[in-house]
Amino acid sequence: MTKGGSIMLWGCFAAGGTGALHKMHGIIRKKNDVDILTQHLKTSVRKLKLGHKWVFQIDNDPKHTSKVVAKWLKVKVLEWPSQSPDLNPIEHLWAKLKKRVRARRPTNLTQLHQLCQEEWSKIHPTYCGKLVEGYPKLLTHWDCDERNKS
């Protein structure tokens, strides 16, 4: 995004809007993943008023699927095929965020982080709702495509 580097972010959303957006530092290992979830997932669940009946979707990166993380989560995790970022609705949010931040032309990493936070908070809950709403249809299409390959 800037001519001198990039930042790595963790974020989450639900049909009701965006949750936390956290700037990550260094290499993320299993323990860091649990720390991030502890600090930001629980806060997001409360902010988004999800209650106790929600399903968490994570990618199949080994650090996210480790026993340490699974033990901590204690929530239903959506199983989905690995190597399928196109099926993960948050990828649409990342693309939208990148487009908005790029348009504002950050000149350094501090500004990049600030603009990411600002633009993330401006993503309308209606957009998030549409991503969640369209997800079952997307999975159905994927499942049909996979069956046709066999």
C-alpha atoms as a PDB file:
ATOM      1  CA  MET A   1       0.000   0.000   0.000  1.00  0.00           C
ATOM      2  CA  THR A   2       2.766   2.407   0.819  1.00  0.00           C
ATOM      3  CA  LYS A   3       6.043   2.476  -1.051  1.00  0.00           C
ATOM      4  CA  GLY A   4       7.885   1.296   2.025  1.00  0.00           C
ATOM      5  CA  GLY A   5       6.075  -1.711   3.368  1.00  0.00           C
ATOM      6  CA  SER A   6       2.866  -3.181   4.591  1.00  0.00           C
ATOM      7  CA  ILE A   7       1.131  -4.221   7.768  1.00  0.00           C
ATOM      8  CA  MET A   8      -0.598  -7.455   8.719  1.00  0.00           C
ATOM      9  CA  LEU A   9      -4.096  -7.237  10.165  1.00  0.00           C
ATOM     10  CA  TRP A  10      -6.493  -9.567  11.965  1.00  0.00           C
ATOM     11  CA  GLY A  11     -10.134  -8.736  11.635  1.00  0.00           C
ATOM     12  CA  CYS A  12     -13.557 -10.255  11.976  1.00  0.00           C
ATOM     13  CA  PHE A  13     -17.119  -9.464  11.039  1.00  0.00           C
ATOM     14  CA  ALA A  14     -20.645 -10.788  11.281  1.00  0.00           C
ATOM     15  CA  ALA A  15     -23.932  -9.988   9.574  1.00  0.00           C
ATOM     16  CA  GLY A  16     -24.320  -7.016  11.909  1.00  0.00           C
ATOM     17  CA  GLY A  17     -21.065  -5.303  10.955  1.00  0.00           C
ATOM     18  CA  THR A  18     -17.339  -5.317  11.496  1.00  0.00           C
ATOM     19  CA  GLY A  19     -15.673  -6.411  14.685  1.00  0.00           C
ATOM     20  CA  ALA A  20     -12.161  -5.639  15.832  1.00  0.00           C
ATOM     21  CA  LEU A  21      -9.300  -4.867  13.478  1.00  0.00           C
ATOM     22  CA  HIS A  22      -5.931  -5.599  15.051  1.00  0.00           C
ATOM     23  CA  LYS A  23      -2.454  -4.836  13.744  1.00  0.00           C
ATOM     24  CA  MET A  24      -0.260  -7.857  14.237  1.00  0.00           C
ATOM     25  CA  HIS A  25       3.427  -7.684  15.042  1.00  0.00           C
ATOM     26  CA  GLY A  26       6.080 -10.180  14.000  1.00  0.00           C
ATOM     27  CA  ILE A  27       5.521 -13.807  13.117  1.00  0.00           C
ATOM     28  CA  ILE A  28       2.223 -15.140  14.394  1.00  0.00           C
ATOM     29  CA  ARG A  29       2.529 -18.459  16.181  1.00  0.00           C
ATOM     30  CA  LYS A  30      -0.102 -20.625  17.876  1.00  0.00           C
ATOM     31  CA  LYS A  31       0.204 -18.849  21.232  1.00  0.00           C
ATOM     32  CA  ASN A  32      -0.032 -15.415  19.546  1.00  0.00           C
ATOM     33  CA  ASP A  33      -3.175 -16.623  17.793  1.00  0.00           C
ATOM     34  CA  VAL A  34      -4.799 -17.475  21.135  1.00  0.00           C
ATOM     35  CA  ASP A  35      -3.749 -14.070  22.529  1.00  0.00           C
ATOM     36  CA  ILE A  36      -5.318 -12.293  19.550  1.00  0.00           C
ATOM     37  CA  LEU A  37      -8.519 -14.309  19.864  1.00  0.00           C
ATOM     38  CA  THR A  38      -8.650 -13.663  23.613  1.00  0.00           C
ATOM     39  CA  GLN A  39      -8.245  -9.924  23.185  1.00  0.00           C
ATOM     40  CA  HIS A  40     -10.208  -9.276  20.020  1.00  0.00           C
ATOM     41  CA  LEU A  41     -12.672 -12.065  19.253  1.00  0.00           C
ATOM     42  CA  LYS A  42     -14.457 -11.888  22.594  1.00  0.00           C
ATOM     43  CA  THR A  43     -14.683  -8.096  22.353  1.00  0.00           C
ATOM     44  CA  SER A  44     -16.073  -8.382  18.840  1.00  0.00           C
ATOM     45  CA  VAL A  45     -18.657 -10.987  19.852  1.00  0.00           C
ATOM     46  CA  ARG A  46     -19.934  -8.604  22.534  1.00  0.00           C
ATOM     47  CA  LYS A  47     -19.846  -5.562  20.224  1.00  0.00           C
ATOM     48  CA  LEU A  48     -21.750  -7.420  17.510  1.00  0.00           C
ATOM     49  CA  LYS A  49     -24.216  -8.832  20.087  1.00  0.00           C
ATOM     50  CA  LEU A  50     -23.784 -12.389  18.859  1.00  0.00           C
ATOM     51  CA  GLY A  51     -24.717 -14.061  22.132  1.00  0.00           C
ATOM     52  CA  HIS A  52     -23.797 -17.729  22.425  1.00  0.00           C
ATOM     53  CA  LYS A  53     -25.084 -19.090  19.118  1.00  0.00           C
ATOM     54  CA  TRP A  54     -22.548 -18.253  16.450  1.00  0.00           C
ATOM     55  CA  VAL A  55     -20.151 -20.128  14.222  1.00  0.00           C
ATOM     56  CA  PHE A  56     -16.553 -19.057  13.763  1.00  0.00           C
ATOM     57  CA  GLN A  57     -14.864 -19.388  10.386  1.00  0.00           C
ATOM     58  CA  ILE A  58     -11.091 -19.452  10.192  1.00  0.00           C
ATOM     59  CA  ASP A  59      -8.806 -20.341   7.363  1.00  0.00           C
ATOM     60  CA  ASN A  60      -7.012 -23.662   7.496  1.00  0.00           C
ATOM     61  CA  ASP A  61      -3.613 -22.242   8.368  1.00  0.00           C
ATOM     62  CA  PRO A  62      -2.057 -24.736  10.823  1.00  0.00           C
ATOM     63  CA  LYS A  63      -1.663 -22.089  13.529  1.00  0.00           C
ATOM     64  CA  HIS A  64      -5.434 -21.491  13.436  1.00  0.00           C
ATOM     65  CA  THR A  65      -6.337 -25.171  13.518  1.00  0.00           C
ATOM     66  CA  SER A  66      -3.862 -26.208  16.215  1.00  0.00           C
ATOM     67  CA  LYS A  67      -4.993 -28.085  19.325  1.00  0.00           C
ATOM     68  CA  VAL A  68      -4.052 -25.041  21.429  1.00  0.00           C
ATOM     69  CA  VAL A  69      -6.410 -22.798  19.462  1.00  0.00           C
ATOM     70  CA  ALA A  70      -9.166 -25.434  19.234  1.00  0.00           C
ATOM     71  CA  LYS A  71      -9.039 -25.965  23.007  1.00  0.00           C
ATOM     72  CA  TRP A  72      -9.317 -22.229  23.621  1.00  0.00           C
ATOM     73  CA  LEU A  73     -12.105 -21.581  21.103  1.00  0.00           C
ATOM     74  CA  LYS A  74     -14.774 -23.880  22.534  1.00  0.00           C
ATOM     75  CA  VAL A  75     -17.178 -22.645  19.853  1.00  0.00           C
ATOM     76  CA  LYS A  76     -18.426 -24.244  16.701  1.00  0.00           C
ATOM     77  CA  VAL A  77     -15.887 -23.717  13.922  1.00  0.00           C
ATOM     78  CA  LEU A  78     -17.124 -23.877  10.358  1.00  0.00           C
ATOM     79  CA  GLU A  79     -15.357 -26.627   8.445  1.00  0.00           C
ATOM     80  CA  TRP A  80     -14.488 -25.683   4.922  1.00  0.00           C
ATOM     81  CA  PRO A  81     -12.046 -26.749   2.247  1.00  0.00           C
ATOM     82  CA  SER A  82      -8.441 -25.656   2.485  1.00  0.00           C
ATOM     83  CA  GLN A  83      -6.911 -23.605  -0.313  1.00  0.00           C
ATOM     84  CA  SER A  84     -10.264 -21.855  -0.929  1.00  0.00           C
ATOM     85  CA  PRO A  85      -9.843 -18.186  -0.075  1.00  0.00           C
ATOM     86  CA  ASP A  86     -12.564 -17.358  -2.610  1.00  0.00           C
ATOM     87  CA  LEU A  87     -15.059 -19.053  -0.276  1.00  0.00           C
ATOM     88  CA  ASN A  88     -14.110 -16.925   2.710  1.00  0.00           C
ATOM     89  CA  PRO A  89     -16.398 -13.873   2.828  1.00  0.00           C
ATOM     90  CA  ILE A  90     -13.841 -11.817   4.750  1.00  0.00           C
ATOM     91  CA  GLU A  91     -11.713 -11.751   1.590  1.00  0.00           C
ATOM     92  CA  HIS A  92     -14.331  -9.395   0.144  1.00  0.00           C
ATOM     93  CA  LEU A  93     -13.912  -7.118   3.150  1.00  0.00           C
ATOM     94  CA  TRP A  94     -10.126  -7.150   2.800  1.00  0.00           C
ATOM     95  CA  ALA A  95     -10.467  -6.186  -0.877  1.00  0.00           C
ATOM     96  CA  LYS A  96     -12.869  -3.358  -0.022  1.00  0.00           C
ATOM     97  CA  LEU A  97     -10.571  -2.126   2.741  1.00  0.00           C
ATOM     98  CA  LYS A  98      -7.519  -2.165   0.455  1.00  0.00           C
ATOM     99  CA  LYS A  99      -9.347  -0.242  -2.248  1.00  0.00           C
ATOM    100  CA  ARG A 100     -10.544   2.433   0.174  1.00  0.00           C
ATOM    101  CA  VAL A 101      -7.170   2.828   1.871  1.00  0.00           C
ATOM    102  CA  ARG A 102      -5.270   2.892  -1.432  1.00  0.00           C
ATOM    103  CA  ALA A 103      -7.525   5.716  -2.622  1.00  0.00           C
ATOM    104  CA  ARG A 104      -6.421   7.767   0.391  1.00  0.00           C
ATOM    105  CA  ARG A 105      -2.729   7.235  -0.478  1.00  0.00           C
ATOM    106  CA  PRO A 106      -1.005   6.622   2.848  1.00  0.00           C
ATOM    107  CA  THR A 107       2.618   7.774   2.932  1.00  0.00           C
ATOM    108  CA  ASN A 108       3.946   5.781   5.893  1.00  0.00           C
ATOM    109  CA  LEU A 109       3.080   2.707   7.959  1.00  0.00           C
ATOM    110  CA  THR A 110       1.594   4.692  10.838  1.00  0.00           C
ATOM    111  CA  GLN A 111      -0.759   6.462   8.475  1.00  0.00           C
ATOM    112  CA  LEU A 112      -1.522   3.173   6.726  1.00  0.00           C
ATOM    113  CA  HIS A 113      -2.615   1.633  10.029  1.00  0.00           C
ATOM    114  CA  GLN A 114      -4.690   4.689  10.945  1.00  0.00           C
ATOM    115  CA  LEU A 115      -6.443   4.724   7.570  1.00  0.00           C
ATOM    116  CA  CYS A 116      -7.130   0.989   7.788  1.00  0.00           C
ATOM    117  CA  GLN A 117      -8.809   1.517  11.162  1.00  0.00           C
ATOM    118  CA  GLU A 118     -10.854   4.448   9.859  1.00  0.00           C
ATOM    119  CA  GLU A 119     -11.992   2.694   6.706  1.00  0.00           C
ATOM    120  CA  TRP A 120     -12.748  -0.571   8.537  1.00  0.00           C
ATOM    121  CA  SER A 121     -15.080   1.293  10.877  1.00  0.00           C
ATOM    122  CA  LYS A 122     -16.875   2.833   7.871  1.00  0.00           C
ATOM    123  CA  ILE A 123     -17.786  -0.518   6.289  1.00  0.00           C
ATOM    124  CA  HIS A 124     -21.556  -0.536   6.507  1.00  0.00           C
ATOM    125  CA  PRO A 125     -23.315  -3.353   8.393  1.00  0.00           C
ATOM    126  CA  THR A 126     -25.593  -3.834   5.367  1.00  0.00           C
ATOM    127  CA  TYR A 127     -22.567  -4.849   3.284  1.00  0.00           C
ATOM    128  CA  CYS A 128     -21.502  -7.327   5.968  1.00  0.00           C
ATOM    129  CA  GLY A 129     -25.048  -8.689   6.103  1.00  0.00           C
ATOM    130  CA  LYS A 130     -25.059  -9.263   2.345  1.00  0.00           C
ATOM    131  CA  LEU A 131     -21.765 -11.160   2.552  1.00  0.00           C
ATOM    132  CA  VAL A 132     -23.147 -13.439   5.262  1.00  0.00           C
ATOM    133  CA  GLU A 133     -26.491 -13.805   3.476  1.00  0.00           C
ATOM    134  CA  GLY A 134     -24.811 -14.836   0.207  1.00  0.00           C
ATOM    135  CA  TYR A 135     -22.467 -17.312   1.859  1.00  0.00           C
ATOM    136  CA  PRO A 136     -24.734 -20.411   1.776  1.00  0.00           C
ATOM    137  CA  LYS A 137     -25.367 -19.824  -1.932  1.00  0.00           C
ATOM    138  CA  LEU A 138     -21.624 -19.544  -2.561  1.00  0.00           C
ATOM    139  CA  LEU A 139     -20.999 -22.828  -0.724  1.00  0.00           C
ATOM    140  CA  THR A 140     -23.753 -24.564  -2.692  1.00  0.00           C
ATOM    141  CA  HIS A 141     -22.177 -23.445  -5.975  1.00  0.00           C
ATOM    142  CA  TRP A 142     -18.738 -24.592  -4.780  1.00  0.00           C
ATOM    143  CA  ASP A 143     -20.101 -27.985  -3.702  1.00  0.00           C
ATOM    144  CA  CYS A 144     -21.806 -28.478  -7.087  1.00  0.00           C
ATOM    145  CA  ASP A 145     -18.624 -27.484  -8.944  1.00  0.00           C
ATOM    146  CA  GLU A 146     -16.556 -29.936  -6.895  1.00  0.00           C
ATOM    147  CA  ARG A 147     -19.032 -32.766  -7.575  1.00  0.00           C
ATOM    148  CA  ASN A 148     -18.934 -32.037 -11.304  1.00  0.00           C
ATOM    149  CA  LYS A 149     -15.122 -32.377 -11.271  1.00  0.00           C
ATOM    150  CA  SER A 150     -15.345 -35.956  -9.963  1.00  0.00           C
END
